[in-house]
Amino acid sequence: MRALVTGATGFVGRKLLSRLQRPVVLSRDAAAGVRLGNEVQVVAWDPQREPAPAEAFTDVDVVFHLAGEPVAGGRWTAARKARIRDSRVVGTRNLADTIRRLARKPQVLVSASAIGYYGDRGDEVLDETAPPGGDFLSEVCVAWEREAQAVAEAGVRVVNVRLGVVLGRDGGALPRMLTPFRLGLGSPLGSGRQWMSWIHVQDVVGLMLLAAARGDLQGPLNAAAPQPATNREFTKALGRAVRRPTFLPAVPAGVLQLALGEMAVVLLASQRVTPRRAQAAGYTFEHPDLEEALRDVLR
């Protein structure tokens, strides 16, 4: 299986590359080839300015599309929101435009999305048939998935992998949490009752490879562990994993909204996601239990 990967220098992308043989990488970073190793062919591409270079797709069977501006890490100014949206929507459009014009097209496009698609849904259990929410991230995910699905009209199978909170040693959400928890300052956020649908990075990669291999999978695929946790449960589990107390009171939602503005929705929205389609396809999660997953990541 000859694979092409965008977003390969990111957290999930690096893990995925380790499972692929001689992949092609599309990157704006000219030095990426040196960092990614000799087995990786790097082709230059600026996803927001131009269609993907057709020559990179020679003999490619599967495209893993992971590129996108990080959502967390600062207030959402108008300019930042535009970068978040355009890096996903415009970049995917420019990728799809090239794929549709290829004489020999890849068999499948596995395109990242996010459980932000569902918006803030309280205790509702959300499988892949649930409708989208109506906030900024929901609207971005809807447009993102729509651009990826455009290649289905050209006969390419498309899977939109809706990522939960990805746990791993060297990227994703967890490293930003660790310092306060290791200092004994970890605490719930807001009510603490909001659901966090998490997933170990090894299972993210496993589900992406499943999406590429299974010809009967298409459309949305929730990438979340089968046992989501409330924010309060996650706080207690992470405290136990780093062997520190978590007795501080919750940080009020108003404080987070004052400090982070609209971006606070990333921390306060409740998404109780179930990986129904992955389980129906027979996928066995390597890390289905939160406490074991955290121990593995922090070991």
Protein backbone atom coordinates (compact mmCIF):
# COMPACT_ATOMS: atom_id res chain seq x y z
CA MET A 1 0.00 0.00 0.00
CA ARG A 2 1.68 3.20 -1.22
CA ALA A 3 0.61 6.07 1.05
CA LEU A 4 0.75 9.85 0.82
CA VAL A 5 0.51 11.86 4.05
CA THR A 6 -0.17 15.53 4.75
CA GLY A 7 0.45 16.91 8.24
CA ALA A 8 3.18 14.29 8.67
CA THR A 9 5.33 16.47 10.93
CA GLY A 10 2.51 16.81 13.47
CA PHE A 11 1.91 14.64 16.52
CA VAL A 12 -0.40 12.06 14.92
CA GLY A 13 1.36 12.26 11.57
CA ARG A 14 4.72 11.22 13.03
CA LYS A 15 3.13 8.19 14.70
CA LEU A 16 1.36 7.22 11.48
CA LEU A 17 4.56 7.46 9.42
CA SER A 18 6.21 4.88 11.68
CA ARG A 19 3.62 2.34 10.48
CA LEU A 20 4.02 3.04 6.75
CA GLN A 21 6.61 1.83 4.24
CA ARG A 22 8.28 4.47 2.06
CA PRO A 23 5.45 7.04 2.24
CA VAL A 24 5.23 10.29 0.29
CA VAL A 25 4.84 13.43 2.41
CA LEU A 26 3.43 16.76 1.28
CA SER A 27 4.88 19.54 3.42
CA ARG A 28 5.57 23.27 3.43
CA ASP A 29 8.66 22.51 5.52
CA ALA A 30 11.70 22.06 3.28
CA ALA A 31 13.68 20.49 6.14
CA ALA A 32 11.00 17.88 6.87
CA GLY A 33 12.78 15.21 4.83
CA VAL A 34 15.85 15.39 7.04
CA ARG A 35 13.80 15.03 10.23
CA LEU A 36 11.48 12.32 8.91
CA GLY A 37 14.25 10.02 7.63
CA ASN A 38 15.60 8.66 4.38
CA GLU A 39 12.66 6.33 3.77
CA VAL A 40 10.29 9.29 3.35
CA GLN A 41 9.89 11.17 0.05
CA VAL A 42 9.01 14.82 0.73
CA VAL A 43 7.31 16.98 -1.89
CA ALA A 44 6.82 20.71 -1.30
CA TRP A 45 3.24 22.01 -1.06
CA ASP A 46 1.63 25.10 0.42
CA PRO A 47 -1.92 23.83 1.00
CA GLN A 48 -3.59 27.22 1.29
CA ARG A 49 -2.06 28.70 -1.85
CA GLU A 50 -2.10 26.03 -4.55
CA PRO A 51 -3.47 22.63 -5.57
CA ALA A 52 -1.44 19.64 -4.41
CA PRO A 53 1.32 18.68 -6.91
CA ALA A 54 0.03 15.86 -9.10
CA GLU A 55 3.47 14.25 -9.45
CA ALA A 56 3.44 13.35 -5.75
CA PHE A 57 0.52 10.92 -6.31
CA THR A 58 2.33 8.50 -8.63
CA ASP A 59 1.38 4.94 -7.60
CA VAL A 60 -0.30 6.23 -4.43
CA ASP A 61 -3.12 3.99 -3.16
CA VAL A 62 -4.18 5.84 -0.01
CA VAL A 63 -4.02 9.48 1.09
CA PHE A 64 -3.94 10.34 4.80
CA HIS A 65 -4.85 14.01 5.16
CA LEU A 66 -3.96 15.35 8.64
CA ALA A 67 -2.88 18.94 8.01
CA GLY A 68 -4.48 21.73 10.05
CA GLU A 69 -3.69 24.70 12.30
CA PRO A 70 -3.76 23.78 16.05
CA VAL A 71 -7.05 24.74 17.69
CA ALA A 72 -5.82 25.15 21.28
CA GLY A 73 -3.03 27.35 22.58
CA GLY A 74 -4.42 30.87 22.61
CA ARG A 75 -7.42 33.16 22.25
CA TRP A 76 -9.39 32.93 19.03
CA THR A 77 -8.90 36.28 17.39
CA ALA A 78 -10.59 36.83 14.04
CA ALA A 79 -7.27 36.18 12.31
CA ARG A 80 -6.67 32.99 14.28
CA LYS A 81 -10.14 31.67 13.49
CA ALA A 82 -9.52 32.33 9.82
CA ARG A 83 -6.26 30.35 9.98
CA ILE A 84 -7.98 27.46 11.77
CA ARG A 85 -10.74 27.34 9.17
CA ASP A 86 -8.65 27.94 6.05
CA SER A 87 -5.94 25.43 7.01
CA ARG A 88 -8.64 22.76 7.01
CA VAL A 89 -11.20 23.87 4.46
CA VAL A 90 -9.03 25.54 1.81
CA GLY A 91 -6.23 23.00 2.27
CA THR A 92 -8.62 20.09 1.81
CA ARG A 93 -10.19 21.76 -1.21
CA ASN A 94 -6.78 22.15 -2.86
CA LEU A 95 -5.96 18.51 -2.13
CA ALA A 96 -9.31 17.31 -3.50
CA ASP A 97 -8.98 19.40 -6.65
CA THR A 98 -5.79 17.56 -7.57
CA ILE A 99 -7.14 14.10 -6.70
CA ARG A 100 -10.19 14.62 -8.92
CA ARG A 101 -7.97 15.46 -11.91
CA LEU A 102 -5.62 12.48 -11.60
CA ALA A 103 -5.75 9.86 -14.34
CA ARG A 104 -4.90 7.21 -11.73
CA LYS A 105 -6.60 8.15 -8.50
CA PRO A 106 -5.92 6.75 -5.04
CA GLN A 107 -8.43 4.22 -3.80
CA VAL A 108 -9.20 6.02 -0.55
CA LEU A 109 -8.83 9.39 1.16
CA VAL A 110 -8.63 9.15 4.97
CA SER A 111 -9.20 12.72 6.08
CA ALA A 112 -8.98 13.96 9.65
CA SER A 113 -11.92 15.71 11.27
CA ALA A 114 -12.81 16.18 14.94
CA ILE A 115 -15.53 15.43 17.46
CA GLY A 116 -15.93 19.20 17.63
CA TYR A 117 -18.37 18.42 14.78
CA TYR A 118 -21.00 17.60 17.41
CA GLY A 119 -20.77 20.81 19.45
CA ASP A 120 -21.73 20.98 23.14
CA ARG A 121 -24.25 18.15 23.67
CA GLY A 122 -24.42 17.47 27.42
CA ASP A 123 -25.03 13.80 28.28
CA GLU A 124 -26.30 12.81 24.81
CA VAL A 125 -24.54 9.71 23.45
CA LEU A 126 -23.13 10.63 20.04
CA ASP A 127 -22.47 8.08 17.33
CA GLU A 128 -21.65 8.88 13.71
CA THR A 129 -25.31 9.51 12.82
CA ALA A 130 -25.66 12.42 15.27
CA PRO A 131 -26.19 15.83 13.61
CA PRO A 132 -23.61 18.62 13.89
CA GLY A 133 -23.68 21.40 16.46
CA GLY A 134 -23.86 25.07 15.61
CA ASP A 135 -20.70 26.64 17.05
CA PHE A 136 -17.50 27.70 15.29
CA LEU A 137 -15.74 24.32 15.52
CA SER A 138 -18.86 22.49 14.38
CA GLU A 139 -19.13 24.70 11.33
CA VAL A 140 -15.43 24.22 10.53
CA CYS A 141 -15.76 20.42 10.77
CA VAL A 142 -18.86 20.36 8.55
CA ALA A 143 -17.08 22.40 5.86
CA TRP A 144 -13.88 20.36 6.27
CA GLU A 145 -15.68 17.06 5.77
CA ARG A 146 -17.67 18.43 2.84
CA GLU A 147 -14.48 19.37 0.98
CA ALA A 148 -13.03 15.89 1.54
CA GLN A 149 -16.24 14.20 0.39
CA ALA A 150 -15.98 16.04 -2.95
CA VAL A 151 -13.58 13.36 -4.23
CA ALA A 152 -16.21 10.67 -3.68
CA GLU A 153 -17.87 11.93 -6.87
CA ALA A 154 -14.70 10.88 -8.71
CA GLY A 155 -14.91 7.33 -7.36
CA VAL A 156 -12.55 7.70 -4.40
CA ARG A 157 -13.70 6.23 -1.10
CA VAL A 158 -13.60 8.86 1.68
CA VAL A 159 -13.43 8.31 5.45
CA ASN A 160 -13.68 11.32 7.80
CA VAL A 161 -11.94 10.35 11.04
CA ARG A 162 -13.44 12.46 13.85
CA LEU A 163 -10.67 12.71 16.43
CA GLY A 164 -11.32 12.93 20.15
CA VAL A 165 -8.84 14.25 22.75
CA VAL A 166 -5.65 12.46 21.67
CA LEU A 167 -3.37 11.22 24.47
CA GLY A 168 0.33 10.69 23.85
CA ARG A 169 3.75 11.37 25.29
CA ASP A 170 5.04 13.99 22.89
CA GLY A 171 2.06 15.90 21.60
CA GLY A 172 -1.67 16.41 21.73
CA ALA A 173 -3.47 17.75 24.78
CA LEU A 174 -1.67 15.91 27.59
CA PRO A 175 1.74 17.66 27.74
CA ARG A 176 0.02 21.01 28.40
CA MET A 177 -1.84 19.48 31.34
CA LEU A 178 1.08 17.80 33.05
CA THR A 179 2.90 20.70 34.72
CA PRO A 180 0.04 21.86 36.95
CA PHE A 181 -0.89 18.27 37.78
CA ARG A 182 2.69 17.38 38.73
CA LEU A 183 2.73 20.44 41.00
CA GLY A 184 -0.43 19.21 42.71
CA LEU A 185 -2.48 22.00 41.10
CA GLY A 186 -4.71 19.89 38.89
CA SER A 187 -8.41 20.60 39.20
CA PRO A 188 -11.67 20.11 37.29
CA LEU A 189 -12.77 22.75 34.80
CA GLY A 190 -16.17 24.40 34.90
CA SER A 191 -18.82 22.04 36.25
CA GLY A 192 -16.52 19.02 35.77
CA ARG A 193 -19.57 17.17 34.42
CA GLN A 194 -18.73 17.75 30.75
CA TRP A 195 -17.76 14.60 28.87
CA MET A 196 -14.24 14.22 27.47
CA SER A 197 -14.03 11.69 24.67
CA TRP A 198 -10.37 10.72 24.69
CA ILE A 199 -8.26 8.27 22.67
CA HIS A 200 -4.70 6.95 22.88
CA VAL A 201 -2.59 7.98 19.89
CA GLN A 202 -1.85 4.32 19.08
CA ASP A 203 -5.56 3.74 18.58
CA VAL A 204 -5.83 6.84 16.38
CA VAL A 205 -3.21 5.31 14.09
CA GLY A 206 -4.91 1.91 14.29
CA LEU A 207 -8.25 3.39 13.24
CA MET A 208 -6.69 5.31 10.35
CA LEU A 209 -5.07 2.14 9.07
CA LEU A 210 -8.40 0.33 9.49
CA ALA A 211 -10.13 3.07 7.49
CA ALA A 212 -7.59 2.65 4.70
CA ALA A 213 -7.84 -1.13 4.61
CA ARG A 214 -11.58 -1.73 4.95
CA GLY A 215 -13.33 -1.11 1.65
CA ASP A 216 -16.73 -1.10 3.36
CA LEU A 217 -15.91 1.91 5.56
CA GLN A 218 -16.80 5.35 4.28
CA GLY A 219 -18.06 8.61 5.70
CA PRO A 220 -17.62 9.57 9.36
CA LEU A 221 -15.67 7.38 11.79
CA ASN A 222 -15.48 8.39 15.45
CA ALA A 223 -11.93 8.06 16.81
CA ALA A 224 -12.67 7.96 20.53
CA ALA A 225 -12.19 5.25 23.14
CA PRO A 226 -15.29 3.26 24.08
CA GLN A 227 -15.28 4.60 27.66
CA PRO A 228 -15.40 8.43 27.72
CA ALA A 229 -14.89 10.21 31.05
CA THR A 230 -16.29 13.34 32.60
CA ASN A 231 -13.80 16.14 33.14
CA ARG A 232 -13.89 15.43 36.89
CA GLU A 233 -13.18 11.72 36.31
CA PHE A 234 -10.36 12.58 33.92
CA THR A 235 -8.88 14.97 36.51
CA LYS A 236 -8.89 12.27 39.20
CA ALA A 237 -7.40 9.67 36.83
CA LEU A 238 -4.58 11.98 35.72
CA GLY A 239 -3.83 12.90 39.34
CA ARG A 240 -3.50 9.21 40.20
CA ALA A 241 -1.31 8.64 37.15
CA VAL A 242 1.19 11.31 38.26
CA ARG A 243 0.71 10.43 41.96
CA ARG A 244 -0.42 13.89 42.99
CA PRO A 245 -3.56 15.04 44.82
CA THR A 246 -6.41 16.76 42.98
CA PHE A 247 -8.23 18.38 45.87
CA LEU A 248 -8.43 21.95 44.54
CA PRO A 249 -11.87 23.35 43.67
CA ALA A 250 -12.93 23.52 40.05
CA VAL A 251 -11.88 26.47 37.92
CA PRO A 252 -15.14 28.37 37.25
CA ALA A 253 -16.34 28.45 33.66
CA GLY A 254 -16.51 32.26 33.83
CA VAL A 255 -12.82 32.49 34.69
CA LEU A 256 -11.91 30.30 31.71
CA GLN A 257 -14.13 32.33 29.40
CA LEU A 258 -12.60 35.58 30.66
CA ALA A 259 -9.06 34.25 30.17
CA LEU A 260 -9.53 32.37 26.89
CA GLY A 261 -12.55 33.98 25.27
CA GLU A 262 -14.38 31.81 22.74
CA MET A 263 -11.60 29.19 22.86
CA ALA A 264 -12.86 28.15 26.31
CA VAL A 265 -15.44 26.01 24.48
CA VAL A 266 -12.62 23.52 23.79
CA LEU A 267 -12.37 22.90 27.56
CA LEU A 268 -16.02 23.27 28.54
CA ALA A 269 -18.02 21.60 25.74
CA SER A 270 -19.46 18.17 26.54
CA GLN A 271 -19.14 15.46 23.88
CA ARG A 272 -20.03 11.91 24.90
CA VAL A 273 -18.88 10.11 21.78
CA THR A 274 -19.12 6.41 21.06
CA PRO A 275 -17.01 4.63 18.39
CA ARG A 276 -19.97 2.65 17.05
CA ARG A 277 -18.69 2.17 13.51
CA ALA A 278 -15.18 1.19 14.59
CA GLN A 279 -16.57 -1.46 16.92
CA ALA A 280 -19.01 -2.70 14.28
CA ALA A 281 -16.02 -3.11 11.94
CA GLY A 282 -14.34 -5.32 14.55
CA TYR A 283 -11.67 -2.89 15.73
CA THR A 284 -10.16 -3.87 19.08
CA PHE A 285 -8.87 -0.88 21.04
CA GLU A 286 -5.34 -1.27 22.39
CA HIS A 287 -6.09 1.17 25.22
CA PRO A 288 -9.82 1.17 26.06
CA ASP A 289 -9.35 2.09 29.75
CA LEU A 290 -8.43 5.67 30.70
CA GLU A 291 -6.23 4.88 33.71
CA GLU A 292 -4.26 2.25 31.77
CA ALA A 293 -3.91 4.61 28.79
CA LEU A 294 -2.54 7.37 31.03
CA ARG A 295 -0.11 4.96 32.69
CA ASP A 296 1.10 3.84 29.28
CA VAL A 297 1.58 7.41 28.06
CA LEU A 298 3.41 8.50 31.22
CA ARG A 299 5.45 5.34 31.73
